[in-house]
PDB file of N, CA and C in Angstrom:
ATOM      1  N   MET A   1      -1.436 -10.997  15.128  1.00  0.00           N
ATOM      2  CA  MET A   1      -1.512  -9.728  14.890  1.00  0.00           C
ATOM      3  C   MET A   1      -0.309  -9.402  13.747  1.00  0.00           C
ATOM      4  N   SER A   2      -0.470  -8.538  12.888  1.00  0.00           N
ATOM      5  CA  SER A   2       0.280  -8.049  11.927  1.00  0.00           C
ATOM      6  C   SER A   2       1.300  -7.056  12.365  1.00  0.00           C
ATOM      7  N   VAL A   3       2.326  -6.748  11.464  1.00  0.00           N
ATOM      8  CA  VAL A   3       3.406  -5.722  11.843  1.00  0.00           C
ATOM      9  C   VAL A   3       2.686  -4.449  11.793  1.00  0.00           C
ATOM     10  N   VAL A   4       1.748  -4.016  10.904  1.00  0.00           N
ATOM     11  CA  VAL A   4       1.038  -3.006  10.814  1.00  0.00           C
ATOM     12  C   VAL A   4       0.489  -2.475  11.964  1.00  0.00           C
ATOM     13  N   ASP A   5      -0.386  -3.661  12.737  1.00  0.00           N
ATOM     14  CA  ASP A   5      -1.156  -3.526  13.978  1.00  0.00           C
ATOM     15  C   ASP A   5      -0.243  -3.204  15.136  1.00  0.00           C
ATOM     16  N   ILE A   6       0.860  -3.751  15.110  1.00  0.00           N
ATOM     17  CA  ILE A   6       2.036  -3.654  16.149  1.00  0.00           C
ATOM     18  C   ILE A   6       2.272  -2.121  15.989  1.00  0.00           C
ATOM     19  N   LEU A   7       2.608  -1.789  14.676  1.00  0.00           N
ATOM     20  CA  LEU A   7       3.102  -0.315  14.533  1.00  0.00           C
ATOM     21  C   LEU A   7       2.020   0.766  15.037  1.00  0.00           C
ATOM     22  N   ARG A   8       0.737   0.394  14.696  1.00  0.00           N
ATOM     23  CA  ARG A   8      -0.465   1.343  15.072  1.00  0.00           C
ATOM     24  C   ARG A   8      -0.457   1.565  16.599  1.00  0.00           C
ATOM     25  N   LYS A   9      -0.328   0.373  17.102  1.00  0.00           N
ATOM     26  CA  LYS A   9      -0.379   0.403  18.743  1.00  0.00           C
ATOM     27  C   LYS A   9       0.752   1.232  19.188  1.00  0.00           C
ATOM     28  N   GLN A  10       2.086   1.191  18.656  1.00  0.00           N
ATOM     29  CA  GLN A  10       3.030   1.989  19.063  1.00  0.00           C
ATOM     30  C   GLN A  10       2.810   3.400  18.661  1.00  0.00           C
ATOM     31  N   LEU A  11       2.205   3.651  17.690  1.00  0.00           N
ATOM     32  CA  LEU A  11       1.832   5.092  17.193  1.00  0.00           C
ATOM     33  C   LEU A  11       0.789   5.573  18.260  1.00  0.00           C
ATOM     34  N   ILE A  12      -0.094   4.874  18.687  1.00  0.00           N
ATOM     35  CA  ILE A  12      -0.915   5.481  19.776  1.00  0.00           C
ATOM     36  C   ILE A  12      -0.648   5.839  20.826  1.00  0.00           C
ATOM     37  N   LYS A  13       0.429   4.960  21.201  1.00  0.00           N
ATOM     38  CA  LYS A  13       1.474   4.938  22.700  1.00  0.00           C
ATOM     39  C   LYS A  13       2.033   6.468  22.509  1.00  0.00           C
ATOM     40  N   LEU A  14       2.640   6.644  21.409  1.00  0.00           N
ATOM     41  CA  LEU A  14       3.573   7.656  21.088  1.00  0.00           C
ATOM     42  C   LEU A  14       2.947   8.962  21.081  1.00  0.00           C
ATOM     43  N   GLN A  15       1.525   9.123  20.451  1.00  0.00           N
ATOM     44  CA  GLN A  15       0.654  10.231  20.437  1.00  0.00           C
ATOM     45  C   GLN A  15       0.205  10.405  21.954  1.00  0.00           C
ATOM     46  N   LYS A  16      -0.052   9.667  22.684  1.00  0.00           N
ATOM     47  CA  LYS A  16      -0.346   9.767  24.050  1.00  0.00           C
ATOM     48  C   LYS A  16       0.738  10.450  24.848  1.00  0.00           C
ATOM     49  N   GLU A  17       1.971   9.761  24.582  1.00  0.00           N
ATOM     50  CA  GLU A  17       3.133  10.473  25.198  1.00  0.00           C
ATOM     51  C   GLU A  17       3.478  11.936  24.855  1.00  0.00           C
ATOM     52  N   ARG A  18       3.295  12.024  23.657  1.00  0.00           N
ATOM     53  CA  ARG A  18       3.532  13.378  22.987  1.00  0.00           C
ATOM     54  C   ARG A  18       2.522  14.544  23.551  1.00  0.00           C
ATOM     55  N   GLU A  19       1.354  14.081  23.808  1.00  0.00           N
ATOM     56  CA  GLU A  19       0.391  14.897  24.539  1.00  0.00           C
ATOM     57  C   GLU A  19       0.676  15.298  25.984  1.00  0.00           C
ATOM     58  N   GLU A  20       1.432  14.225  26.735  1.00  0.00           N
ATOM     59  CA  GLU A  20       1.711  14.545  28.065  1.00  0.00           C
ATOM     60  C   GLU A  20       3.104  15.393  28.269  1.00  0.00           C
ATOM     61  N   ILE A  21       3.917  15.173  27.088  1.00  0.00           N
ATOM     62  CA  ILE A  21       5.047  16.016  26.992  1.00  0.00           C
ATOM     63  C   ILE A  21       4.577  17.489  26.544  1.00  0.00           C
ATOM     64  N   THR A  22       3.849  17.619  25.837  1.00  0.00           N
ATOM     65  CA  THR A  22       3.063  19.062  25.411  1.00  0.00           C
ATOM     66  C   THR A  22       2.614  19.787  26.904  1.00  0.00           C
ATOM     67  N   LEU A  23       1.951  18.841  27.571  1.00  0.00           N
ATOM     68  CA  LEU A  23       1.491  19.486  28.847  1.00  0.00           C
ATOM     69  C   LEU A  23       2.445  19.899  29.770  1.00  0.00           C
ATOM     70  N   GLU A  24       3.645  19.117  29.999  1.00  0.00           N
ATOM     71  CA  GLU A  24       4.657  19.398  30.746  1.00  0.00           C
ATOM     72  C   GLU A  24       5.453  20.534  30.371  1.00  0.00           C
ATOM     73  N   LYS A  25       5.454  20.646  28.866  1.00  0.00           N
ATOM     74  CA  LYS A  25       6.264  21.680  28.283  1.00  0.00           C
ATOM     75  C   LYS A  25       5.523  23.109  28.644  1.00  0.00           C
ATOM     76  N   GLY A  26       4.282  22.942  28.585  1.00  0.00           N
ATOM     77  CA  GLY A  26       3.296  24.068  28.842  1.00  0.00           C
ATOM     78  C   GLY A  26       3.608  24.626  30.422  1.00  0.00           C
ATOM     79  N   LEU A  27       3.624  23.533  31.243  1.00  0.00           N
ATOM     80  CA  LEU A  27       3.784  23.961  32.722  1.00  0.00           C
ATOM     81  C   LEU A  27       5.219  24.377  32.983  1.00  0.00           C
ATOM     82  N   ALA A  28       6.259  24.047  32.228  1.00  0.00           N
ATOM     83  CA  ALA A  28       7.524  24.454  32.541  1.00  0.00           C
ATOM     84  C   ALA A  28       7.507  25.735  31.967  1.00  0.00           C
ATOM     85  N   ALA A  29       6.992  26.192  30.889  1.00  0.00           N
ATOM     86  CA  ALA A  29       6.990  27.588  30.239  1.00  0.00           C
ATOM     87  C   ALA A  29       6.281  28.423  31.204  1.00  0.00           C
ATOM     88  N   ARG A  30       5.105  28.192  31.653  1.00  0.00           N
ATOM     89  CA  ARG A  30       4.350  28.755  32.778  1.00  0.00           C
ATOM     90  C   ARG A  30       5.144  29.242  34.211  1.00  0.00           C
ATOM     91  N   ASP A  31       6.007  28.228  34.526  1.00  0.00           N
ATOM     92  CA  ASP A  31       6.618  28.482  35.739  1.00  0.00           C
ATOM     93  C   ASP A  31       8.126  29.341  35.792  1.00  0.00           C
ATOM     94  N   ASN A  32       8.413  29.253  34.566  1.00  0.00           N
ATOM     95  CA  ASN A  32       9.380  30.310  34.390  1.00  0.00           C
ATOM     96  C   ASN A  32       9.125  31.238  32.866  1.00  0.00           C
ATOM     97  N   ASN A  33       9.204  32.654  32.961  1.00  0.00           N
ATOM     98  CA  ASN A  33       8.845  33.231  31.699  1.00  0.00           C
ATOM     99  C   ASN A  33       9.752  33.604  30.778  1.00  0.00           C
ATOM    100  N   ASP A  34      11.002  33.439  31.299  1.00  0.00           N
ATOM    101  CA  ASP A  34      12.062  33.623  30.571  1.00  0.00           C
ATOM    102  C   ASP A  34      12.732  32.317  29.942  1.00  0.00           C
ATOM    103  N   LEU A  35      12.158  31.863  28.706  1.00  0.00           N
ATOM    104  CA  LEU A  35      12.393  30.690  28.136  1.00  0.00           C
ATOM    105  C   LEU A  35      13.773  30.530  27.908  1.00  0.00           C
ATOM    106  N   ARG A  36      14.626  31.380  27.600  1.00  0.00           N
ATOM    107  CA  ARG A  36      16.065  31.296  27.293  1.00  0.00           C
ATOM    108  C   ARG A  36      16.599  30.628  28.402  1.00  0.00           C
ATOM    109  N   GLU A  37      16.410  30.924  29.619  1.00  0.00           N
ATOM    110  CA  GLU A  37      16.988  30.195  30.828  1.00  0.00           C
ATOM    111  C   GLU A  37      16.178  29.020  31.564  1.00  0.00           C
ATOM    112  N   ASN A  38      15.273  28.527  30.849  1.00  0.00           N
ATOM    113  CA  ASN A  38      14.359  27.553  31.361  1.00  0.00           C
ATOM    114  C   ASN A  38      14.716  26.324  30.895  1.00  0.00           C
ATOM    115  N   PHE A  39      15.596  25.543  31.612  1.00  0.00           N
ATOM    116  CA  PHE A  39      16.142  24.200  31.183  1.00  0.00           C
ATOM    117  C   PHE A  39      15.046  23.178  31.127  1.00  0.00           C
ATOM    118  N   ALA A  40      14.024  23.234  31.977  1.00  0.00           N
ATOM    119  CA  ALA A  40      12.890  22.137  32.098  1.00  0.00           C
ATOM    120  C   ALA A  40      12.246  22.376  30.770  1.00  0.00           C
ATOM    121  N   TYR A  41      12.014  23.580  30.334  1.00  0.00           N
ATOM    122  CA  TYR A  41      11.307  23.690  28.989  1.00  0.00           C
ATOM    123  C   TYR A  41      12.116  23.275  27.952  1.00  0.00           C
ATOM    124  N   ASP A  42      13.266  23.452  27.878  1.00  0.00           N
ATOM    125  CA  ASP A  42      14.360  22.914  26.666  1.00  0.00           C
ATOM    126  C   ASP A  42      14.288  21.428  26.620  1.00  0.00           C
ATOM    127  N   TYR A  43      14.091  20.749  28.055  1.00  0.00           N
ATOM    128  CA  TYR A  43      14.082  19.292  28.080  1.00  0.00           C
ATOM    129  C   TYR A  43      12.819  18.963  27.188  1.00  0.00           C
ATOM    130  N   TRP A  44      12.077  19.429  27.929  1.00  0.00           N
ATOM    131  CA  TRP A  44      10.575  19.123  27.106  1.00  0.00           C
ATOM    132  C   TRP A  44      10.277  19.223  25.650  1.00  0.00           C
ATOM    133  N   VAL A  45      11.099  20.431  25.102  1.00  0.00           N
ATOM    134  CA  VAL A  45      10.951  20.724  23.614  1.00  0.00           C
ATOM    135  C   VAL A  45      11.984  19.628  23.117  1.00  0.00           C
ATOM    136  N   GLU A  46      12.913  19.095  23.418  1.00  0.00           N
ATOM    137  CA  GLU A  46      13.635  18.218  22.934  1.00  0.00           C
ATOM    138  C   GLU A  46      13.036  16.726  23.030  1.00  0.00           C
ATOM    139  N   ARG A  47      12.275  16.500  24.080  1.00  0.00           N
ATOM    140  CA  ARG A  47      11.470  15.241  24.167  1.00  0.00           C
ATOM    141  C   ARG A  47      10.506  15.251  23.135  1.00  0.00           C
ATOM    142  N   GLU A  48       9.771  16.404  23.246  1.00  0.00           N
ATOM    143  CA  GLU A  48       8.708  16.470  21.913  1.00  0.00           C
ATOM    144  C   GLU A  48       9.326  16.207  20.482  1.00  0.00           C
ATOM    145  N   PHE A  49      10.389  16.654  20.089  1.00  0.00           N
ATOM    146  CA  PHE A  49      10.920  16.591  18.961  1.00  0.00           C
ATOM    147  C   PHE A  49      11.515  14.979  18.739  1.00  0.00           C
ATOM    148  N   VAL A  50      11.912  14.480  19.535  1.00  0.00           N
ATOM    149  CA  VAL A  50      12.115  12.974  19.630  1.00  0.00           C
ATOM    150  C   VAL A  50      11.140  12.007  19.419  1.00  0.00           C
ATOM    151  N   VAL A  51       9.980  12.567  20.075  1.00  0.00           N
ATOM    152  CA  VAL A  51       8.840  11.611  20.096  1.00  0.00           C
ATOM    153  C   VAL A  51       8.017  11.888  18.576  1.00  0.00           C
ATOM    154  N   THR A  52       7.969  13.226  18.184  1.00  0.00           N
ATOM    155  CA  THR A  52       7.570  13.344  16.894  1.00  0.00           C
ATOM    156  C   THR A  52       8.344  12.751  15.735  1.00  0.00           C
ATOM    157  N   ALA A  53       9.639  12.795  15.763  1.00  0.00           N
ATOM    158  CA  ALA A  53      10.408  12.117  14.933  1.00  0.00           C
ATOM    159  C   ALA A  53      10.108  10.620  14.734  1.00  0.00           C
ATOM    160  N   LYS A  54       9.752   9.989  16.024  1.00  0.00           N
ATOM    161  CA  LYS A  54       9.463   8.491  16.060  1.00  0.00           C
ATOM    162  C   LYS A  54       8.136   8.321  15.371  1.00  0.00           C
ATOM    163  N   ILE A  55       7.360   9.235  15.792  1.00  0.00           N
ATOM    164  CA  ILE A  55       5.719   9.182  15.031  1.00  0.00           C
ATOM    165  C   ILE A  55       5.837   9.154  13.664  1.00  0.00           C
ATOM    166  N   TYR A  56       6.781  10.070  13.086  1.00  0.00           N
ATOM    167  CA  TYR A  56       6.775  10.289  11.631  1.00  0.00           C
ATOM    168  C   TYR A  56       7.528   8.758  11.045  1.00  0.00           C
ATOM    169  N   ASP A  57       8.398   8.347  11.614  1.00  0.00           N
ATOM    170  CA  ASP A  57       9.090   6.997  11.326  1.00  0.00           C
ATOM    171  C   ASP A  57       8.061   5.842  11.044  1.00  0.00           C
ATOM    172  N   ILE A  58       7.271   5.919  12.257  1.00  0.00           N
ATOM    173  CA  ILE A  58       6.362   4.834  12.262  1.00  0.00           C
ATOM    174  C   ILE A  58       5.282   4.954  11.136  1.00  0.00           C
ATOM    175  N   LEU A  59       4.757   6.323  10.839  1.00  0.00           N
ATOM    176  CA  LEU A  59       3.660   6.347   9.767  1.00  0.00           C
ATOM    177  C   LEU A  59       4.246   6.146   8.534  1.00  0.00           C
ATOM    178  N   LYS A  60       5.583   6.461   8.306  1.00  0.00           N
ATOM    179  CA  LYS A  60       6.285   6.074   7.058  1.00  0.00           C
ATOM    180  C   LYS A  60       6.289   4.323   6.808  1.00  0.00           C
ATOM    181  N   GLU A  61       6.629   3.922   7.937  1.00  0.00           N
ATOM    182  CA  GLU A  61       6.486   2.292   7.925  1.00  0.00           C
ATOM    183  C   GLU A  61       5.293   1.726   7.801  1.00  0.00           C
ATOM    184  N   ILE A  62       4.313   2.293   8.474  1.00  0.00           N
ATOM    185  CA  ILE A  62       2.983   1.851   8.004  1.00  0.00           C
ATOM    186  C   ILE A  62       2.443   1.964   6.720  1.00  0.00           C
ATOM    187  N   GLU A  63       2.864   3.119   6.231  1.00  0.00           N
ATOM    188  CA  GLU A  63       2.535   3.427   4.755  1.00  0.00           C
ATOM    189  C   GLU A  63       3.311   2.411   3.858  1.00  0.00           C
ATOM    190  N   LYS A  64       4.618   2.167   4.031  1.00  0.00           N
ATOM    191  CA  LYS A  64       5.308   1.235   3.280  1.00  0.00           C
ATOM    192  C   LYS A  64       4.766  -0.179   3.259  1.00  0.00           C
ATOM    193  N   LEU A  65       4.367  -0.485   4.634  1.00  0.00           N
ATOM    194  CA  LEU A  65       3.764  -1.832   4.626  1.00  0.00           C
ATOM    195  C   LEU A  65       2.338  -2.010   4.151  1.00  0.00           C
ATOM    196  N   SER A  66       1.465  -1.098   4.372  1.00  0.00           N
ATOM    197  CA  SER A  66       0.187  -1.086   4.059  1.00  0.00           C
ATOM    198  C   SER A  66      -0.110  -1.417   2.575  1.00  0.00           C
ATOM    199  N   PRO A  67      -1.121  -2.257   2.208  1.00  0.00           N
ATOM    200  CA  PRO A  67      -1.460  -2.506   0.892  1.00  0.00           C
ATOM    201  C   PRO A  67      -1.852  -1.105   0.168  1.00  0.00           C
ATOM    202  N   LYS A  68      -1.553  -0.872  -1.170  1.00  0.00           N
ATOM    203  CA  LYS A  68      -2.005   0.142  -1.697  1.00  0.00           C
ATOM    204  C   LYS A  68      -3.152  -0.136  -2.364  1.00  0.00           C
ATOM    205  N   GLU A  69      -4.183   0.909  -2.219  1.00  0.00           N
ATOM    206  CA  GLU A  69      -5.535   0.746  -2.916  1.00  0.00           C
ATOM    207  C   GLU A  69      -5.381   1.316  -4.449  1.00  0.00           C
ATOM    208  N   PRO A  70      -5.801   0.614  -5.266  1.00  0.00           N
ATOM    209  CA  PRO A  70      -5.609   0.938  -6.719  1.00  0.00           C
ATOM    210  C   PRO A  70      -6.217   2.264  -6.991  1.00  0.00           C
ATOM    211  N   ARG A  71      -5.737   3.084  -7.777  1.00  0.00           N
ATOM    212  CA  ARG A  71      -6.442   4.467  -8.121  1.00  0.00           C
ATOM    213  C   ARG A  71      -7.636   4.162  -9.205  1.00  0.00           C
ATOM    214  N   SER A  72      -8.377   4.784  -9.116  1.00  0.00           N
ATOM    215  CA  SER A  72      -9.582   4.470 -10.073  1.00  0.00           C
ATOM    216  C   SER A  72      -9.093   4.766 -11.514  1.00  0.00           C
ATOM    217  N   ARG A  73      -8.505   5.776 -11.639  1.00  0.00           N
ATOM    218  CA  ARG A  73      -7.834   5.937 -13.163  1.00  0.00           C
ATOM    219  C   ARG A  73      -6.443   6.648 -12.850  1.00  0.00           C
ATOM    220  N   SER A  74      -5.710   5.736 -13.827  1.00  0.00           N
ATOM    221  CA  SER A  74      -4.240   6.592 -13.782  1.00  0.00           C
ATOM    222  C   SER A  74      -4.098   7.811 -14.294  1.00  0.00           C
ATOM    223  N   LYS A  75      -3.074   8.566 -14.097  1.00  0.00           N
ATOM    224  CA  LYS A  75      -3.042   9.908 -14.714  1.00  0.00           C
ATOM    225  C   LYS A  75      -2.921   9.907 -16.151  1.00  0.00           C
ATOM    226  N   GLU A  76      -2.184   8.819 -16.651  1.00  0.00           N
ATOM    227  CA  GLU A  76      -2.163   8.930 -18.162  1.00  0.00           C
ATOM    228  C   GLU A  76      -3.551   8.491 -18.761  1.00  0.00           C
ATOM    229  N   SER A  77      -4.385   7.893 -18.370  1.00  0.00           N
ATOM    230  CA  SER A  77      -5.492   7.665 -18.998  1.00  0.00           C
ATOM    231  C   SER A  77      -6.368   8.808 -18.886  1.00  0.00           C
ATOM    232  N   ARG A  78      -6.220   9.639 -17.892  1.00  0.00           N
ATOM    233  CA  ARG A  78      -7.117  10.965 -17.777  1.00  0.00           C
ATOM    234  C   ARG A  78      -6.492  11.945 -18.766  1.00  0.00           C
ATOM    235  N   GLN A  79      -5.094  12.070 -18.893  1.00  0.00           N
ATOM    236  CA  GLN A  79      -4.595  12.688 -19.896  1.00  0.00           C
ATOM    237  C   GLN A  79      -4.867  12.242 -21.279  1.00  0.00           C
ATOM    238  N   ALA A  80      -5.128  11.115 -21.496  1.00  0.00           N
ATOM    239  CA  ALA A  80      -5.339  10.648 -22.737  1.00  0.00           C
ATOM    240  C   ALA A  80      -6.746  10.892 -23.055  1.00  0.00           C
ATOM    241  N   SER A  81      -7.427  10.764 -22.073  1.00  0.00           N
ATOM    242  CA  SER A  81      -9.068  11.141 -22.538  1.00  0.00           C
ATOM    243  C   SER A  81      -9.522  12.441 -22.716  1.00  0.00           C
ATOM    244  N   LYS A  82      -8.444  13.438 -22.308  1.00  0.00           N
ATOM    245  CA  LYS A  82      -8.547  14.927 -22.557  1.00  0.00           C
ATOM    246  C   LYS A  82      -8.199  15.088 -24.026  1.00  0.00           C
ATOM    247  N   MET A  83      -7.425  14.313 -24.571  1.00  0.00           N
ATOM    248  CA  MET A  83      -6.725  14.772 -26.061  1.00  0.00           C
ATOM    249  C   MET A  83      -7.880  14.427 -26.955  1.00  0.00           C
ATOM    250  N   PRO A  84      -7.793  15.215 -28.313  1.00  0.00           N
ATOM    251  CA  PRO A  84      -8.750  15.110 -29.145  1.00  0.00           C
ATOM    252  C   PRO A  84      -8.724  13.695 -30.040  1.00  0.00           C
TER     253      PRO A  84
END
């Protein structure tokens, strides 16, 4: 199993965790309408930020490790073909 495959599995796990966190955050918001004094809501918001940051880090790492597909035509060749 490649490093990219391992990262993809971690990504799926974190995305599921973020879904659960979003649900818990919604339940905490429903329980107390004044979100300024809702410590449970604040906790879930912070957890959501942390998990989202981890997701972005993994996505960057996957992009860095994944082989790049060659572009069909480079920008220079397109510009050169437009010149008379």
